[in-house]
C-alpha atoms as a PDB file:
ATOM      1  CA  MET A   1     190.012 132.612 151.480  1.00  0.00           C
ATOM      2  CA  VAL A   2     187.448 131.171 149.045  1.00  0.00           C
ATOM      3  CA  GLU A   3     186.798 133.083 145.483  1.00  0.00           C
ATOM      4  CA  ALA A   4     183.175 131.866 143.882  1.00  0.00           C
ATOM      5  CA  ASN A   5     183.377 131.555 140.193  1.00  0.00           C
ATOM      6  CA  TYR A   6     179.557 131.405 138.984  1.00  0.00           C
ATOM      7  CA  GLU A   7     178.693 129.597 135.462  1.00  0.00           C
ATOM      8  CA  GLN A   8     175.943 128.180 134.363  1.00  0.00           C
ATOM      9  CA  SER A   9     174.179 124.986 135.568  1.00  0.00           C
ATOM     10  CA  HIS A  10     172.970 122.574 132.959  1.00  0.00           C
ATOM     11  CA  PRO A  11     170.256 120.304 133.955  1.00  0.00           C
ATOM     12  CA  GLU A  12     172.328 117.187 134.142  1.00  0.00           C
ATOM     13  CA  GLN A  13     174.563 118.698 136.789  1.00  0.00           C
ATOM     14  CA  GLU A  14     171.213 119.979 139.017  1.00  0.00           C
ATOM     15  CA  SER A  15     169.990 116.108 139.156  1.00  0.00           C
ATOM     16  CA  ALA A  16     173.467 114.889 140.574  1.00  0.00           C
ATOM     17  CA  GLY A  17     173.418 117.687 143.386  1.00  0.00           C
ATOM     18  CA  PHE A  18     176.517 120.150 141.352  1.00  0.00           C
ATOM     19  CA  LYS A  19     175.179 123.303 141.359  1.00  0.00           C
ATOM     20  CA  GLU A  20     178.195 125.469 140.582  1.00  0.00           C
ATOM     21  CA  ALA A  21     182.203 125.526 139.974  1.00  0.00           C
ATOM     22  CA  VAL A  22     184.091 127.995 142.716  1.00  0.00           C
ATOM     23  CA  CYS A  23     187.400 128.679 142.698  1.00  0.00           C
ATOM     24  CA  ILE A  24     189.508 127.845 146.238  1.00  0.00           C
ATOM     25  CA  ASP A  25     192.707 128.957 147.841  1.00  0.00           C
ATOM     26  CA  ALA A  26     194.149 125.677 149.368  1.00  0.00           C
ATOM     27  CA  MET A  27     197.062 123.912 150.001  1.00  0.00           C
ATOM     28  CA  ARG A  28     197.643 120.940 147.620  1.00  0.00           C
ATOM     29  CA  ILE A  29     199.780 117.908 148.428  1.00  0.00           C
ATOM     30  CA  TYR A  30     202.588 117.447 145.998  1.00  0.00           C
ATOM     31  CA  ASP A  31     204.190 114.624 147.514  1.00  0.00           C
ATOM     32  CA  SER A  32     204.631 112.431 150.542  1.00  0.00           C
ATOM     33  CA  CYS A  33     205.573 109.790 152.166  1.00  0.00           C
ATOM     34  CA  SER A  34     205.159 107.161 155.110  1.00  0.00           C
ATOM     35  CA  ASP A  35     207.533 105.369 156.763  1.00  0.00           C
ATOM     36  CA  LYS A  36     207.873 102.627 159.653  1.00  0.00           C
ATOM     37  CA  ASP A  37     211.136 102.714 161.903  1.00  0.00           C
ATOM     38  CA  CYS A  38     212.438 100.887 165.061  1.00  0.00           C
ATOM     39  CA  LEU A  39     214.423 103.297 166.882  1.00  0.00           C
ATOM     40  CA  GLU A  40     216.880 101.322 168.619  1.00  0.00           C
ATOM     41  CA  ASP A  41     219.156 102.020 171.450  1.00  0.00           C
ATOM     42  CA  LEU A  42     218.084 105.981 171.758  1.00  0.00           C
ATOM     43  CA  ARG A  43     220.238 107.618 174.336  1.00  0.00           C
ATOM     44  CA  VAL A  44     217.590 109.251 176.949  1.00  0.00           C
ATOM     45  CA  TYR A  45     219.145 112.502 178.662  1.00  0.00           C
ATOM     46  CA  PHE A  46     218.183 113.686 181.920  1.00  0.00           C
ATOM     47  CA  THR A  47     219.026 116.696 184.149  1.00  0.00           C
ATOM     48  CA  PRO A  48     221.737 116.605 186.383  1.00  0.00           C
ATOM     49  CA  GLN A  49     219.342 115.392 189.573  1.00  0.00           C
ATOM     50  CA  VAL A  50     217.928 113.043 187.936  1.00  0.00           C
ATOM     51  CA  GLN A  51     221.302 111.848 186.144  1.00  0.00           C
ATOM     52  CA  ALA A  52     222.659 111.165 189.475  1.00  0.00           C
ATOM     53  CA  GLN A  53     219.847 108.549 190.167  1.00  0.00           C
ATOM     54  CA  VAL A  54     220.901 106.652 187.307  1.00  0.00           C
ATOM     55  CA  GLU A  55     224.315 106.068 188.045  1.00  0.00           C
ATOM     56  CA  ASP A  56     223.401 104.425 191.284  1.00  0.00           C
ATOM     57  CA  ALA A  57     220.309 102.237 189.323  1.00  0.00           C
ATOM     58  CA  VAL A  58     220.484  98.961 189.387  1.00  0.00           C
ATOM     59  CA  SER A  59     217.789  98.415 186.309  1.00  0.00           C
ATOM     60  CA  VAL A  60     215.048 100.105 184.505  1.00  0.00           C
ATOM     61  CA  ARG A  61     211.728  99.686 183.203  1.00  0.00           C
ATOM     62  CA  LEU A  62     210.055 102.325 179.952  1.00  0.00           C
ATOM     63  CA  LYS A  63     206.359 103.452 180.770  1.00  0.00           C
ATOM     64  CA  SER A  64     205.891 105.602 178.410  1.00  0.00           C
ATOM     65  CA  VAL A  65     206.841 107.364 175.292  1.00  0.00           C
ATOM     66  CA  GLU A  66     204.783 110.801 173.879  1.00  0.00           C
ATOM     67  CA  VAL A  67     206.567 113.008 170.784  1.00  0.00           C
ATOM     68  CA  LEU A  68     207.058 116.583 172.325  1.00  0.00           C
ATOM     69  CA  THR A  69     207.518 118.466 169.060  1.00  0.00           C
ATOM     70  CA  VAL A  70     209.167 117.843 165.749  1.00  0.00           C
ATOM     71  CA  TYR A  71     211.621 120.578 163.973  1.00  0.00           C
ATOM     72  CA  LEU A  72     211.391 120.676 160.290  1.00  0.00           C
ATOM     73  CA  ASP A  73     214.007 122.335 157.734  1.00  0.00           C
ATOM     74  CA  LEU A  74     213.738 122.292 154.474  1.00  0.00           C
ATOM     75  CA  GLU A  75     215.993 122.969 151.598  1.00  0.00           C
ATOM     76  CA  PRO A  76     216.157 122.786 147.477  1.00  0.00           C
ATOM     77  CA  VAL A  77     218.317 119.899 146.692  1.00  0.00           C
ATOM     78  CA  PRO A  78     220.889 121.305 143.872  1.00  0.00           C
ATOM     79  CA  PHE A  79     220.554 120.373 140.570  1.00  0.00           C
ATOM     80  CA  HIS A  80     217.160 118.481 140.675  1.00  0.00           C
ATOM     81  CA  LYS A  81     214.761 121.279 140.256  1.00  0.00           C
ATOM     82  CA  GLY A  82     211.770 120.873 142.224  1.00  0.00           C
ATOM     83  CA  PHE A  83     212.983 118.725 144.895  1.00  0.00           C
ATOM     84  CA  TYR A  84     213.641 119.430 148.466  1.00  0.00           C
ATOM     85  CA  SER A  85     215.207 117.688 151.263  1.00  0.00           C
ATOM     86  CA  ILE A  86     213.631 117.556 154.652  1.00  0.00           C
ATOM     87  CA  ASP A  87     215.510 117.306 157.659  1.00  0.00           C
ATOM     88  CA  MET A  88     213.557 116.322 160.723  1.00  0.00           C
ATOM     89  CA  THR A  89     214.527 116.222 164.341  1.00  0.00           C
ATOM     90  CA  PHE A  90     211.907 114.055 166.840  1.00  0.00           C
ATOM     91  CA  PHE A  91     212.080 115.531 170.837  1.00  0.00           C
ATOM     92  CA  PHE A  92     210.714 112.657 172.745  1.00  0.00           C
ATOM     93  CA  ASP A  93     209.476 112.821 176.146  1.00  0.00           C
ATOM     94  CA  VAL A  94     210.656 109.224 177.828  1.00  0.00           C
ATOM     95  CA  GLY A  95     209.406 108.209 181.780  1.00  0.00           C
ATOM     96  CA  VAL A  96     211.169 105.179 183.062  1.00  0.00           C
ATOM     97  CA  ASP A  97     211.231 103.749 186.358  1.00  0.00           C
ATOM     98  CA  LEU A  98     214.751 103.510 188.029  1.00  0.00           C
ATOM     99  CA  TYR A  99     215.188 100.724 190.554  1.00  0.00           C
ATOM    100  CA  ASP A 100     218.471 101.143 192.666  1.00  0.00           C
ATOM    101  CA  ALA A 101     218.053  97.357 194.634  1.00  0.00           C
ATOM    102  CA  PRO A 102     216.159  94.366 193.597  1.00  0.00           C
ATOM    103  CA  ALA A 103     212.583  94.058 194.560  1.00  0.00           C
ATOM    104  CA  SER A 104     212.933  97.841 195.510  1.00  0.00           C
ATOM    105  CA  SER A 105     210.439 100.421 194.690  1.00  0.00           C
ATOM    106  CA  PRO A 106     211.034 102.340 191.490  1.00  0.00           C
ATOM    107  CA  SER A 107     211.554 105.816 191.527  1.00  0.00           C
ATOM    108  CA  SER A 108     209.678 107.381 188.134  1.00  0.00           C
ATOM    109  CA  VAL A 109     211.494 109.796 186.283  1.00  0.00           C
ATOM    110  CA  ASN A 110     211.024 111.778 182.772  1.00  0.00           C
ATOM    111  CA  GLY A 111     213.779 112.491 180.255  1.00  0.00           C
ATOM    112  CA  LEU A 112     214.359 113.079 176.642  1.00  0.00           C
ATOM    113  CA  SER A 113     215.029 111.202 173.710  1.00  0.00           C
ATOM    114  CA  LEU A 114     216.038 112.688 170.106  1.00  0.00           C
ATOM    115  CA  PHE A 115     216.212 111.186 166.849  1.00  0.00           C
ATOM    116  CA  SER A 116     216.882 112.624 163.189  1.00  0.00           C
ATOM    117  CA  LYS A 117     216.236 112.164 159.864  1.00  0.00           C
ATOM    118  CA  LYS A 118     215.919 113.107 156.232  1.00  0.00           C
ATOM    119  CA  VAL A 119     213.828 112.482 153.460  1.00  0.00           C
ATOM    120  CA  ILE A 120     213.476 114.273 149.453  1.00  0.00           C
ATOM    121  CA  LEU A 121     210.172 114.930 148.442  1.00  0.00           C
ATOM    122  CA  TYR A 122     208.955 116.468 145.182  1.00  0.00           C
ATOM    123  CA  GLY A 123     207.717 119.847 145.690  1.00  0.00           C
ATOM    124  CA  SER A 124     207.458 121.297 142.193  1.00  0.00           C
ATOM    125  CA  GLU A 125     208.731 125.150 141.690  1.00  0.00           C
ATOM    126  CA  GLY A 126     207.333 128.337 142.127  1.00  0.00           C
ATOM    127  CA  ASN A 127     208.526 132.078 141.285  1.00  0.00           C
ATOM    128  CA  VAL A 128     206.567 134.312 143.586  1.00  0.00           C
ATOM    129  CA  LYS A 129     206.208 135.703 146.749  1.00  0.00           C
ATOM    130  CA  MET A 130     202.980 135.751 149.001  1.00  0.00           C
ATOM    131  CA  PHE A 131     201.934 138.494 151.287  1.00  0.00           C
ATOM    132  CA  SER A 132     198.920 138.907 153.030  1.00  0.00           C
ATOM    133  CA  SER A 133     196.883 141.347 155.551  1.00  0.00           C
ATOM    134  CA  ASP A 134     198.008 139.457 158.368  1.00  0.00           C
ATOM    135  CA  HIS A 135     201.197 141.213 158.531  1.00  0.00           C
ATOM    136  CA  THR A 136     202.269 144.844 158.995  1.00  0.00           C
ATOM    137  CA  MET A 137     205.494 146.779 158.348  1.00  0.00           C
ATOM    138  CA  ASP A 138     206.363 146.564 162.112  1.00  0.00           C
ATOM    139  CA  ASN A 139     206.992 142.668 161.443  1.00  0.00           C
ATOM    140  CA  ILE A 140     208.830 142.778 157.472  1.00  0.00           C
ATOM    141  CA  GLU A 141     212.496 141.595 158.767  1.00  0.00           C
ATOM    142  CA  ASP A 142     210.397 138.286 160.189  1.00  0.00           C
ATOM    143  CA  PRO A 143     210.617 135.060 158.187  1.00  0.00           C
ATOM    144  CA  ALA A 144     207.088 134.543 158.084  1.00  0.00           C
ATOM    145  CA  TYR A 145     206.322 137.644 156.331  1.00  0.00           C
ATOM    146  CA  ILE A 146     208.417 137.169 153.832  1.00  0.00           C
ATOM    147  CA  ASN A 147     207.105 133.953 152.165  1.00  0.00           C
ATOM    148  CA  LYS A 148     208.813 132.805 148.921  1.00  0.00           C
ATOM    149  CA  ALA A 149     208.087 130.269 146.865  1.00  0.00           C
ATOM    150  CA  LEU A 150     209.126 127.127 149.029  1.00  0.00           C
ATOM    151  CA  PRO A 151     206.465 124.799 149.960  1.00  0.00           C
ATOM    152  CA  LYS A 152     205.646 124.009 153.242  1.00  0.00           C
ATOM    153  CA  ALA A 153     206.766 120.448 154.692  1.00  0.00           C
ATOM    154  CA  THR A 154     204.471 118.645 157.407  1.00  0.00           C
ATOM    155  CA  CYS A 155     205.348 115.619 159.312  1.00  0.00           C
ATOM    156  CA  GLN A 156     202.046 113.456 160.700  1.00  0.00           C
ATOM    157  CA  VAL A 157     203.260 111.066 163.673  1.00  0.00           C
ATOM    158  CA  ALA A 158     201.145 108.653 165.180  1.00  0.00           C
ATOM    159  CA  GLU A 159     201.568 107.639 169.159  1.00  0.00           C
ATOM    160  CA  PRO A 160     204.916 106.153 169.326  1.00  0.00           C
ATOM    161  CA  ILE A 161     205.394 102.516 170.695  1.00  0.00           C
ATOM    162  CA  GLY A 162     207.905 102.114 173.875  1.00  0.00           C
ATOM    163  CA  LEU A 163     209.500  98.427 172.916  1.00  0.00           C
ATOM    164  CA  SER A 164     212.326  98.375 175.052  1.00  0.00           C
ATOM    165  CA  ALA A 165     214.441 100.344 177.671  1.00  0.00           C
ATOM    166  CA  ARG A 166     217.971  99.123 179.386  1.00  0.00           C
ATOM    167  CA  LEU A 167     220.972 100.086 181.279  1.00  0.00           C
ATOM    168  CA  GLY A 168     224.237 101.059 179.168  1.00  0.00           C
ATOM    169  CA  GLU A 169     227.936 101.694 180.469  1.00  0.00           C
ATOM    170  CA  ALA A 170     228.580 105.715 179.425  1.00  0.00           C
ATOM    171  CA  PRO A 171     230.876 106.241 176.767  1.00  0.00           C
ATOM    172  CA  CYS A 172     234.837 106.720 176.885  1.00  0.00           C
ATOM    173  CA  ARG A 173     234.477 109.899 174.189  1.00  0.00           C
ATOM    174  CA  LEU A 174     232.958 113.419 174.877  1.00  0.00           C
ATOM    175  CA  CYS A 175     229.310 113.101 173.607  1.00  0.00           C
ATOM    176  CA  GLU A 176     228.611 115.150 170.583  1.00  0.00           C
ATOM    177  CA  CYS A 177     224.832 115.871 171.044  1.00  0.00           C
ATOM    178  CA  CYS A 178     222.775 118.784 168.617  1.00  0.00           C
ATOM    179  CA  HIS A 179     221.300 121.042 170.414  1.00  0.00           C
ATOM    180  CA  ILE A 180     217.922 120.748 172.801  1.00  0.00           C
ATOM    181  CA  PRO A 181     216.086 124.301 172.721  1.00  0.00           C
ATOM    182  CA  GLU A 182     215.494 126.109 175.984  1.00  0.00           C
ATOM    183  CA  CYS A 183     211.830 125.534 175.594  1.00  0.00           C
ATOM    184  CA  ILE A 184     212.251 122.105 176.048  1.00  0.00           C
ATOM    185  CA  CYS A 185     215.037 122.262 178.758  1.00  0.00           C
ATOM    186  CA  ARG A 186     212.540 124.374 180.833  1.00  0.00           C
ATOM    187  CA  ARG A 187     209.821 121.400 180.310  1.00  0.00           C
ATOM    188  CA  TYR A 188     212.326 119.622 182.659  1.00  0.00           C
ATOM    189  CA  GLY A 189     213.496 122.476 184.846  1.00  0.00           C
ATOM    190  CA  GLY A 190     217.228 123.183 183.669  1.00  0.00           C
ATOM    191  CA  GLU A 191     219.835 121.604 181.129  1.00  0.00           C
ATOM    192  CA  MET A 192     220.174 118.142 180.162  1.00  0.00           C
ATOM    193  CA  GLU A 193     223.461 116.584 181.421  1.00  0.00           C
ATOM    194  CA  MET A 194     225.312 115.719 178.349  1.00  0.00           C
ATOM    195  CA  GLU A 195     228.125 113.866 180.435  1.00  0.00           C
ATOM    196  CA  ALA A 196     227.315 110.577 182.318  1.00  0.00           C
ATOM    197  CA  LYS A 197     229.840 108.912 184.392  1.00  0.00           C
ATOM    198  CA  ASN A 198     228.654 105.671 184.071  1.00  0.00           C
ATOM    199  CA  ARG A 199     225.392 104.641 183.321  1.00  0.00           C
ATOM    200  CA  ILE A 200     223.041 105.618 180.599  1.00  0.00           C
ATOM    201  CA  VAL A 201     219.792 104.931 179.918  1.00  0.00           C
ATOM    202  CA  TYR A 202     218.930 103.515 176.154  1.00  0.00           C
ATOM    203  CA  VAL A 203     215.452 103.345 175.554  1.00  0.00           C
ATOM    204  CA  THR A 204     214.034 101.401 171.840  1.00  0.00           C
ATOM    205  CA  ILE A 205     210.570 103.360 170.003  1.00  0.00           C
ATOM    206  CA  GLY A 206     208.937 102.380 167.315  1.00  0.00           C
ATOM    207  CA  LEU A 207     207.705 104.825 164.839  1.00  0.00           C
ATOM    208  CA  PHE A 208     204.939 105.373 162.186  1.00  0.00           C
ATOM    209  CA  THR A 209     204.940 108.826 160.309  1.00  0.00           C
ATOM    210  CA  ILE A 210     203.782 110.281 157.168  1.00  0.00           C
ATOM    211  CA  ILE A 211     205.793 113.411 155.795  1.00  0.00           C
ATOM    212  CA  GLN A 212     204.016 115.813 152.974  1.00  0.00           C
ATOM    213  CA  ILE A 213     204.937 118.686 150.905  1.00  0.00           C
ATOM    214  CA  VAL A 214     202.166 121.127 150.047  1.00  0.00           C
ATOM    215  CA  ARG A 215     201.970 124.390 148.522  1.00  0.00           C
ATOM    216  CA  ASN A 216     199.195 127.065 148.280  1.00  0.00           C
ATOM    217  CA  VAL A 217     197.527 126.634 145.109  1.00  0.00           C
ATOM    218  CA  GLN A 218     194.049 128.185 143.742  1.00  0.00           C
ATOM    219  CA  MET A 219     191.559 125.504 142.306  1.00  0.00           C
ATOM    220  CA  LEU A 220     188.447 124.979 141.123  1.00  0.00           C
ATOM    221  CA  ILE A 221     186.159 122.493 142.271  1.00  0.00           C
ATOM    222  CA  PRO A 222     182.356 121.485 141.925  1.00  0.00           C
ATOM    223  CA  ALA A 223     180.166 122.919 144.809  1.00  0.00           C
ATOM    224  CA  TYR A 224     176.685 120.804 145.883  1.00  0.00           C
ATOM    225  CA  ASP A 225     175.630 123.278 148.812  1.00  0.00           C
ATOM    226  CA  PHE A 226     176.698 124.779 152.134  1.00  0.00           C
ATOM    227  CA  CYS A 227     177.940 122.869 155.082  1.00  0.00           C
ATOM    228  CA  ILE A 228     174.983 123.048 157.102  1.00  0.00           C
ATOM    229  CA  PRO A 229     175.168 121.041 160.560  1.00  0.00           C
ATOM    230  CA  GLU A 230     172.313 118.406 160.664  1.00  0.00           C
ATOM    231  CA  LYS A 231     172.240 117.618 164.018  1.00  0.00           C
ATOM    232  CA  GLU A 232     171.301 119.500 166.932  1.00  0.00           C
ATOM    233  CA  CYS A 233     173.246 120.487 169.659  1.00  0.00           C
ATOM    234  CA  VAL A 234     172.294 118.387 172.989  1.00  0.00           C
ATOM    235  CA  THR A 235     172.468 120.244 176.021  1.00  0.00           C
ATOM    236  CA  SER A 236     174.007 118.846 178.820  1.00  0.00           C
ATOM    237  CA  SER A 237     172.580 118.375 182.265  1.00  0.00           C
ATOM    238  CA  ASP A 238     173.651 119.004 185.757  1.00  0.00           C
ATOM    239  CA  ASN A 239     171.903 116.097 187.311  1.00  0.00           C
ATOM    240  CA  PRO A 240     173.873 112.920 186.982  1.00  0.00           C
ATOM    241  CA  CYS A 241     171.293 110.565 187.368  1.00  0.00           C
ATOM    242  CA  GLU A 242     169.930 112.018 184.119  1.00  0.00           C
ATOM    243  CA  LEU A 243     172.621 111.648 182.383  1.00  0.00           C
ATOM    244  CA  PHE A 244     173.191 108.327 183.417  1.00  0.00           C
ATOM    245  CA  ARG A 245     169.498 107.120 182.726  1.00  0.00           C
ATOM    246  CA  ARG A 246     170.684 107.616 179.064  1.00  0.00           C
ATOM    247  CA  ILE A 247     173.576 105.216 178.721  1.00  0.00           C
ATOM    248  CA  GLU A 248     172.348 101.841 177.163  1.00  0.00           C
ATOM    249  CA  PHE A 249     172.721  99.018 179.479  1.00  0.00           C
ATOM    250  CA  PRO A 250     175.648  97.119 178.513  1.00  0.00           C
ATOM    251  CA  THR A 251     174.305  93.911 177.954  1.00  0.00           C
ATOM    252  CA  ASP A 252     177.482  92.858 176.233  1.00  0.00           C
ATOM    253  CA  GLU A 253     179.407  93.105 179.380  1.00  0.00           C
ATOM    254  CA  PHE A 254     177.246  90.598 180.918  1.00  0.00           C
ATOM    255  CA  PHE A 255     177.285  87.956 178.282  1.00  0.00           C
ATOM    256  CA  PRO A 256     180.833  87.613 176.992  1.00  0.00           C
ATOM    257  CA  PRO A 257     180.502  86.815 173.022  1.00  0.00           C
ATOM    258  CA  LYS A 258     180.900  83.412 171.379  1.00  0.00           C
ATOM    259  CA  VAL A 259     183.306  82.226 169.269  1.00  0.00           C
ATOM    260  CA  ASN A 260     181.153  83.072 165.720  1.00  0.00           C
ATOM    261  CA  ASP A 261     180.534  86.722 167.378  1.00  0.00           C
ATOM    262  CA  CYS A 262     184.167  87.784 167.588  1.00  0.00           C
ATOM    263  CA  GLY A 263     185.435  86.066 164.541  1.00  0.00           C
ATOM    264  CA  CYS A 264     187.573  83.731 165.938  1.00  0.00           C
ATOM    265  CA  GLU A 265     188.395  80.297 164.657  1.00  0.00           C
ATOM    266  CA  GLY A 266     190.132  77.558 166.679  1.00  0.00           C
ATOM    267  CA  GLY A 267     190.312  79.914 169.692  1.00  0.00           C
ATOM    268  CA  CYS A 268     192.369  81.988 167.583  1.00  0.00           C
ATOM    269  CA  LEU A 269     191.899  85.734 167.197  1.00  0.00           C
ATOM    270  CA  LYS A 270     191.639  87.025 163.437  1.00  0.00           C
ATOM    271  CA  LYS A 271     193.534  90.050 162.709  1.00  0.00           C
END
């Protein structure tokens, strides 16, 4: 939603390309933080059928790690006005190779790992409720319809780095694991096996995140012009040879770069 606020232009504004001041409805970032976590020895949960293969495995190799989703829960911090605690639960899809004997062919399987953390950020205060025409009286009980003055928490996650995997002994005490949503269990074909008999797969993951608290506000900004595309759309052709002729010849592939070209000194690559 954009509301224009027209004002008289000045000569110096026109020379700089500034045409008018407009009022826009946008999400402003009130606070943010970045984090670098080394998640060591996270347990990987499997379905009962796959867990049976883990019990017979003698070694394991980590293949891939992917973030399925992140659940966020935001609550005000008592006695600290404007501050909010953000509880996050990360769900990782972990792909591993299981070996049931030395020098044997591996079995590739996928499981689930979880990680939880909490941060506290400043999100300011608000004393209004916001309603829009997107909702009707039919969904008045929907929490999304009752948009209170709470800000919104977001989490940006870079592609996680799989560092290592190992087999470990199953713990003696019962597992105290958080609830795994049914929609995630369906991805693996059923409920996860929480109580392993002998062996458990542990993984270590490197994780980079940016957490933000944003709030819907009206802001006055300078406007220069509408965003008109300057590039024409290129029509694709069904002829593969015509498409191939548009690709430049890869000269660099045939002539490796010299030391001065690649930024190397003494044979060491500068990062």
